[in-house]
Protein backbone atom coordinates (compact mmCIF):
# COMPACT_ATOMS: atom_id res chain seq x y z
CA MET A 1 -0.44 24.57 20.38
CA LEU A 2 -1.91 27.99 21.10
CA LEU A 3 -0.25 31.07 19.60
CA SER A 4 -0.67 34.58 20.98
CA ILE A 5 -0.54 37.06 18.08
CA ASN A 6 0.02 40.81 18.33
CA THR A 7 -2.28 42.15 15.61
CA LYS A 8 -0.16 45.28 15.14
CA THR A 9 3.34 43.80 15.00
CA ARG A 10 2.13 40.32 13.92
CA PHE A 11 4.61 38.88 16.37
CA THR A 12 3.68 35.40 17.54
CA GLU A 13 4.40 33.81 20.87
CA LYS A 14 3.64 30.26 21.89
CA LYS A 15 1.49 30.18 25.01
CA ARG A 16 2.89 28.03 27.78
CA THR A 17 0.71 25.17 28.91
CA SER A 18 -0.05 24.44 32.56
CA HIS A 19 -1.09 21.65 34.89
CA LEU A 20 -4.55 21.40 36.44
CA GLN A 21 -3.18 22.06 39.89
CA THR A 22 -2.11 25.53 38.79
CA PHE A 23 -5.80 26.48 38.79
CA GLY A 24 -6.82 24.56 41.89
CA PHE A 25 -8.41 21.78 39.81
CA ASP A 26 -7.91 18.08 40.16
CA GLU A 27 -8.44 15.39 37.53
CA ARG A 28 -11.89 14.48 38.82
CA ALA A 29 -13.06 18.07 38.34
CA LEU A 30 -11.83 17.97 34.74
CA GLN A 31 -13.59 14.66 34.18
CA GLU A 32 -16.89 16.19 35.33
CA ILE A 33 -16.38 19.11 32.94
CA LEU A 34 -15.71 16.71 30.07
CA PHE A 35 -18.84 14.67 30.80
CA LYS A 36 -20.93 17.85 30.72
CA SER A 37 -19.53 18.58 27.25
CA LEU A 38 -19.67 15.02 25.95
CA ASP A 39 -22.25 15.84 23.28
CA ARG A 40 -19.60 18.10 21.73
CA LEU A 41 -16.64 15.76 22.16
CA PHE A 42 -18.07 12.36 21.24
CA PRO A 43 -18.69 11.61 17.51
CA ASP A 44 -22.19 10.10 17.33
CA ASP A 45 -21.86 9.74 13.55
CA GLU A 46 -18.94 7.33 14.00
CA LEU A 47 -19.56 5.59 17.32
CA ILE A 48 -22.54 4.23 19.25
CA LEU A 49 -22.19 4.86 22.98
CA LEU A 50 -22.55 1.71 25.12
CA MET A 51 -21.48 2.81 28.59
CA GLN A 52 -20.97 6.09 30.38
CA SER A 53 -19.62 5.81 33.91
CA ARG A 54 -19.79 8.64 36.44
CA HIS A 55 -19.42 6.64 39.61
CA TRP A 56 -15.67 6.06 39.52
CA GLN A 57 -16.08 2.33 39.88
CA GLU A 58 -13.89 -0.24 38.16
CA GLU A 59 -15.42 0.24 34.74
CA PRO A 60 -14.43 2.33 31.74
CA ASP A 61 -15.43 5.97 31.57
CA LEU A 62 -16.86 5.34 28.11
CA MET A 63 -17.30 2.35 25.84
CA ALA A 64 -18.52 2.51 22.27
CA ILE A 65 -18.94 0.46 19.09
CA ASP A 66 -17.99 1.57 15.60
CA LYS A 67 -19.31 0.59 12.16
CA ASN A 68 -17.21 -2.57 12.13
CA GLY A 69 -18.35 -3.63 15.59
CA ASP A 70 -14.96 -2.83 17.16
CA LEU A 71 -15.06 -1.88 20.83
CA TYR A 72 -13.60 1.47 21.94
CA ILE A 73 -12.58 1.72 25.60
CA PHE A 74 -11.95 5.24 26.95
CA GLU A 75 -10.02 6.32 30.03
CA LEU A 76 -10.86 9.99 30.69
CA LYS A 77 -9.65 10.46 34.24
CA ALA A 78 -6.65 12.36 32.93
CA TRP A 79 -4.32 11.75 35.89
CA GLU A 80 -1.32 13.89 35.04
CA SER A 81 2.15 12.35 34.77
CA GLN A 82 0.92 8.89 35.69
CA PRO A 83 1.42 6.27 32.97
CA THR A 84 -0.71 3.97 35.15
CA ASN A 85 -3.55 5.53 33.15
CA LEU A 86 -2.53 3.17 30.40
CA LEU A 87 -2.40 0.17 32.71
CA GLN A 88 -5.92 0.98 33.86
CA VAL A 89 -7.39 1.09 30.37
CA LEU A 90 -5.60 -2.14 29.45
CA ARG A 91 -7.08 -3.75 32.54
CA TYR A 92 -10.51 -2.75 31.28
CA GLY A 93 -9.57 -4.48 28.06
CA GLN A 94 -8.82 -7.63 30.03
CA ILE A 95 -12.18 -7.42 31.82
CA TYR A 96 -14.42 -6.34 28.93
CA GLY A 97 -12.49 -7.61 25.93
CA PRO A 98 -14.05 -11.11 26.04
CA SER A 99 -17.59 -9.66 26.23
CA LYS A 100 -20.09 -11.08 23.74
CA TYR A 101 -22.97 -9.37 21.97
CA PRO A 102 -25.56 -9.97 24.78
CA ASP A 103 -23.29 -8.07 27.19
CA LEU A 104 -22.90 -5.15 24.79
CA ASP A 105 -26.64 -5.12 24.11
CA ALA A 106 -27.39 -5.00 27.85
CA TRP A 107 -25.04 -2.03 28.37
CA PHE A 108 -26.59 -0.20 25.44
CA LYS A 109 -30.11 -0.65 26.78
CA LYS A 110 -29.13 0.74 30.19
CA ILE A 111 -28.37 4.17 28.74
CA THR A 112 -31.18 4.34 26.20
CA ASP A 113 -34.67 3.03 25.54
CA GLN A 114 -35.05 -0.67 26.39
CA SER A 115 -37.21 -1.32 23.32
CA GLN A 116 -34.34 -1.10 20.82
CA SER A 117 -31.52 -3.58 20.49
CA LEU A 118 -27.93 -2.62 19.81
CA LYS A 119 -28.01 -4.62 16.58
CA SER A 120 -30.99 -2.72 15.21
CA ALA A 121 -29.54 0.64 16.32
CA HIS A 122 -26.24 -0.27 14.66
CA LYS A 123 -28.00 -1.15 11.39
CA ALA A 124 -30.06 2.04 11.49
CA LYS A 125 -26.94 4.14 12.12
CA PHE A 126 -24.48 2.56 9.71
CA GLY A 127 -26.63 0.63 7.24
CA VAL A 128 -24.72 -2.56 8.02
CA ASP A 129 -26.46 -5.77 9.11
CA LEU A 130 -23.67 -6.99 11.38
CA LEU A 131 -23.89 -10.52 12.74
CA GLU A 132 -23.86 -10.79 16.53
CA ASP A 133 -20.60 -12.75 16.57
CA LYS A 134 -18.88 -9.92 14.67
CA PHE A 135 -19.30 -7.46 17.53
CA ASN A 136 -16.20 -6.86 19.69
CA GLN A 137 -13.72 -8.71 17.52
CA GLN A 138 -11.16 -6.01 18.24
CA GLN A 139 -10.57 -3.39 20.94
CA ILE A 140 -9.24 0.15 20.60
CA PHE A 141 -7.94 1.88 23.74
CA VAL A 142 -8.21 5.66 24.12
CA VAL A 143 -6.29 7.38 26.92
CA MET A 144 -6.73 11.05 27.78
CA THR A 145 -3.60 12.85 28.81
CA ASN A 146 -2.24 16.37 29.31
CA GLY A 147 0.04 17.52 26.50
CA LEU A 148 2.76 17.99 29.11
CA ASP A 149 2.50 14.37 30.22
CA TYR A 150 5.35 13.04 28.09
CA LYS A 151 5.68 9.87 30.17
CA THR A 152 2.22 8.59 29.27
CA ARG A 153 2.68 9.62 25.64
CA GLU A 154 6.00 7.74 25.49
CA VAL A 155 4.33 4.59 26.83
CA ILE A 156 1.53 4.92 24.25
CA GLN A 157 4.16 5.16 21.50
CA TYR A 158 5.78 1.99 22.80
CA TRP A 159 2.57 -0.04 22.85
CA ARG A 160 1.59 1.21 19.40
CA SER A 161 4.98 -0.03 18.14
CA CYS A 162 3.91 -3.43 19.52
CA ASN A 163 0.75 -3.28 17.34
CA LEU A 164 -1.59 -2.59 20.26
CA ASP A 165 -4.17 -0.02 19.14
CA VAL A 166 -3.78 2.62 21.85
CA ARG A 167 -4.64 6.21 20.95
CA PRO A 168 -3.88 9.35 22.96
CA TRP A 169 -6.59 11.98 23.42
CA VAL A 170 -4.53 15.05 24.29
CA TYR A 171 -5.78 18.13 26.11
CA ARG A 172 -3.85 21.28 26.97
CA ILE A 173 -4.52 23.94 29.59
CA TYR A 174 -3.61 27.62 29.36
CA GLU A 175 -3.96 30.59 31.64
CA GLY A 176 -6.62 32.99 30.41
CA LYS A 177 -7.90 36.22 31.89
CA SER A 178 -8.42 36.70 35.61
CA GLU A 179 -9.82 33.49 37.14
CA GLU A 180 -10.09 31.92 33.69
CA MET A 181 -8.70 28.55 32.60
CA LEU A 182 -8.58 27.79 28.88
CA LEU A 183 -8.96 24.17 27.80
CA GLU A 184 -7.78 23.09 24.37
CA ILE A 185 -9.19 19.75 23.25
CA SER A 186 -10.51 18.40 19.97
CA ALA A 187 -13.48 16.10 19.65
CA PHE A 188 -12.36 12.49 19.51
CA ARG A 189 -12.83 11.20 16.00
CA VAL A 190 -12.06 8.05 14.04
CA GLN A 191 -11.93 10.16 10.86
CA ASP A 192 -11.64 13.95 10.62
CA ASN A 193 -14.89 15.86 10.18
CA PRO A 194 -14.11 19.32 8.74
CA TYR A 195 -17.62 20.61 9.44
CA GLU A 196 -17.93 19.86 13.16
CA ASP A 197 -17.10 23.40 14.33
CA LEU A 198 -19.68 25.20 12.20
CA ALA A 199 -22.13 27.17 14.34
CA GLU A 200 -23.57 30.12 12.45
CA GLY A 201 -27.24 29.89 13.35
CA TYR A 202 -28.28 27.08 10.96
CA TYR A 203 -28.58 23.42 11.99
CA ILE A 204 -29.70 20.07 10.62
CA LEU A 205 -31.36 17.88 13.26
CA ASN A 206 -32.01 14.18 12.67
CA THR A 207 -35.62 13.25 13.55
CA ASN A 208 -34.57 9.81 14.87
CA TYR A 209 -36.80 8.14 12.27
CA SER A 210 -34.48 5.15 11.80
CA ASN A 211 -34.50 4.38 15.51
CA ASP A 212 -38.10 5.16 16.39
CA GLU A 213 -40.71 6.52 13.98
CA ASN A 214 -42.73 7.85 16.93
CA ASP A 215 -40.02 10.42 17.67
CA HIS A 216 -40.07 11.58 14.06
CA ASN A 217 -43.85 11.89 14.02
CA ASP A 218 -43.87 13.79 17.32
CA MET A 219 -41.46 16.42 16.01
CA LEU A 220 -43.45 16.95 12.81
CA LYS A 221 -46.83 16.95 14.52
CA ASN A 222 -45.86 19.33 17.31
CA GLY A 223 -43.37 21.51 15.48
CA LYS A 224 -40.36 21.02 17.70
CA ALA A 225 -36.66 20.16 17.71
CA ALA A 226 -35.91 17.30 20.10
CA ALA A 227 -33.10 14.96 21.13
CA TYR A 228 -33.14 12.07 23.55
CA PHE A 229 -31.03 10.59 26.34
CA ASP A 230 -27.67 11.59 27.74
CA PRO A 231 -25.53 13.08 26.23
CA TRP A 232 -27.33 13.75 22.93
CA LYS A 233 -30.25 15.60 24.51
CA TYR A 234 -27.85 18.37 25.55
CA LYS A 235 -27.40 19.33 21.91
CA ILE A 236 -30.80 21.05 22.16
CA GLU A 237 -29.33 23.28 24.90
CA ARG A 238 -26.87 24.60 22.31
CA LEU A 239 -29.64 26.09 20.17
CA SER A 240 -30.19 29.82 20.62
CA LYS A 241 -33.39 31.75 20.08
CA GLY A 242 -33.86 32.38 16.37
CA ASP A 243 -31.55 29.62 15.15
CA VAL A 244 -32.91 27.97 11.99
CA VAL A 245 -33.42 24.21 12.39
CA PHE A 246 -33.92 21.90 9.42
CA LEU A 247 -35.52 18.60 10.46
CA TYR A 248 -33.91 15.75 8.53
CA GLN A 249 -35.53 12.33 8.01
CA SER A 250 -33.01 9.56 7.30
CA GLY A 251 -33.27 8.31 3.75
CA VAL A 252 -35.68 11.10 2.77
CA GLY A 253 -34.15 14.52 3.41
CA ILE A 254 -35.19 17.80 5.04
CA VAL A 255 -38.89 17.45 5.82
CA ALA A 256 -39.53 20.57 7.92
CA VAL A 257 -37.95 23.83 9.04
CA GLY A 258 -38.49 26.34 11.84
CA GLU A 259 -36.77 28.75 14.21
CA ALA A 260 -35.88 27.78 17.77
CA ASP A 261 -37.72 29.67 20.49
CA GLY A 262 -36.05 30.82 23.68
CA LYS A 263 -37.35 28.16 26.06
CA LEU A 264 -35.69 24.81 26.70
CA CYS A 265 -38.27 22.17 27.63
CA LYS A 266 -37.75 18.78 29.28
CA ALA A 267 -40.09 15.78 29.26
CA PRO A 268 -40.12 12.02 29.93
CA TYR A 269 -39.09 10.12 26.83
CA GLN A 270 -42.31 9.22 24.98
CA GLY A 271 -44.20 9.97 28.19
CA ASN A 272 -42.56 7.07 30.02
CA PRO A 273 -42.01 7.95 33.73
CA ASP A 274 -39.10 5.49 33.80
CA HIS A 275 -37.20 7.96 31.57
CA PRO A 276 -37.77 11.36 33.23
CA ASP A 277 -36.24 14.39 31.51
CA GLU A 278 -34.73 12.21 28.79
CA GLU A 279 -36.26 14.36 26.07
CA TYR A 280 -34.99 17.91 25.59
CA PHE A 281 -36.84 20.03 23.07
CA ARG A 282 -37.50 23.53 21.84
CA LYS A 283 -40.60 24.63 20.00
CA LEU A 284 -39.98 25.76 16.44
CA LEU A 285 -41.54 29.07 15.45
CA ARG A 286 -42.59 29.74 11.84
CA PHE A 287 -42.68 25.96 11.52
CA GLN A 288 -43.35 24.60 8.04
CA HIS A 289 -43.28 21.20 6.35
CA VAL A 290 -41.01 20.99 3.31
CA ASN A 291 -42.91 19.51 0.38
CA PRO A 292 -41.38 17.75 -1.41
CA PRO A 293 -38.50 17.10 1.00
CA MET A 294 -35.03 18.33 0.09
CA THR A 295 -32.82 15.27 -0.43
CA ALA A 296 -29.29 14.73 0.84
CA ALA A 297 -28.00 14.98 -2.72
CA GLU A 298 -29.69 18.37 -3.15
CA ILE A 299 -28.29 19.62 0.16
CA LYS A 300 -24.77 18.65 -0.85
CA ARG A 301 -25.14 20.19 -4.31
CA ILE A 302 -26.59 23.48 -3.05
CA THR A 303 -24.11 23.96 -0.21
CA GLY A 304 -21.12 22.39 -1.96
CA VAL A 305 -20.41 20.41 1.22
CA ASN A 306 -20.35 16.63 1.54
CA TYR A 307 -22.18 16.48 4.88
CA VAL A 308 -22.53 13.28 6.91
CA PHE A 309 -26.16 12.91 7.98
CA MET A 310 -25.72 10.26 10.69
CA GLN A 311 -25.13 12.82 13.44
CA THR A 312 -27.87 13.84 15.85
CA MET A 313 -27.36 17.51 15.00
CA PHE A 314 -24.73 19.50 13.16
CA GLY A 315 -24.20 23.07 12.09
CA LEU A 316 -24.23 24.61 8.61
CA ASP A 317 -22.36 27.71 7.54
CA ALA A 318 -24.63 30.74 7.23
CA ASP A 319 -24.33 31.01 3.44
CA GLY A 320 -25.26 27.35 3.01
CA GLY A 321 -28.20 27.58 5.42
CA LYS A 322 -29.56 30.69 3.70
CA SER A 323 -29.21 29.06 0.29
CA LEU A 324 -31.20 25.99 1.38
CA ARG A 325 -34.00 28.10 2.80
CA LYS A 326 -34.10 30.42 -0.24
CA LEU A 327 -34.36 27.52 -2.67
CA MET A 328 -37.19 26.01 -0.63
CA VAL A 329 -39.09 29.29 -0.97
CA ASP A 330 -38.23 29.75 -4.66
CA ASN A 331 -39.43 26.20 -5.44
CA GLY A 332 -42.65 26.63 -3.46
CA ARG A 333 -41.70 23.96 -0.92
CA ILE A 334 -42.28 26.46 1.88
CA THR A 335 -43.61 30.00 2.03
CA SER A 336 -41.35 32.97 2.70
């Protein structure tokens, strides 16, 4: 729901939602927009991405694995007023539901570096040593739909009443200013993350140490903020010149800090020509190592926020970011 509020009279009016066709868009155009924003919509602290389809073939738009090894199958095509969306995602369940760990591992390696297995990435992410036969014991189906599409939402309610785990991912469209379309959509999450919308110029960036120590060493040696592969590399695009970036090493804490410069750089991942432009990075000005590192417990105590550090990058509120940096200076961990 979007409310229009008159700040003088404080009168509220519910904005009417629209269909894509009102703005000359079709569902495929919306799908392309969503894929370009996937780093904002997909929770990399809760799910490991296995497949990302952009070729409109008979395969899911997204597939992912959670901490328990359950398989999430996403249908993002967002055809309006067509409950066949649900039939399509259930068909994917029929095709991919019986898949064993080697299949999941092969999909995972197609969208990331071949040197790491899904099992090792899963353990690094969640700290769980999951047996191969425990992967894909259960499927969860996620169907995107317009808030006006009551038919699809009714069908989802029915299948949920039959104990089939189908979840709606609802978007709503509103008319904005001249030639402007407003899209209301929340990031898909297994659990709510109250800190996901913070963006006040301070960020914590994971150095990827658990997945590949070389990435961690490269960031510290060359004083840069980097992320790798689609869609996580696009998080570096979100940094603005002057934003403060704390580099966080899993299991250790904040190990370095600097300020993003104004130039976005692209490079092959670890210099491998088979992965062109799979590293996005920005140089960090005023770059300093934090010695000793600031632990997760310290960060939570100083900011008063119980942050989850499994994400690639997340924002801090300005007061919390300033407090972390001030304490580092006061304790002699960095210079002013």
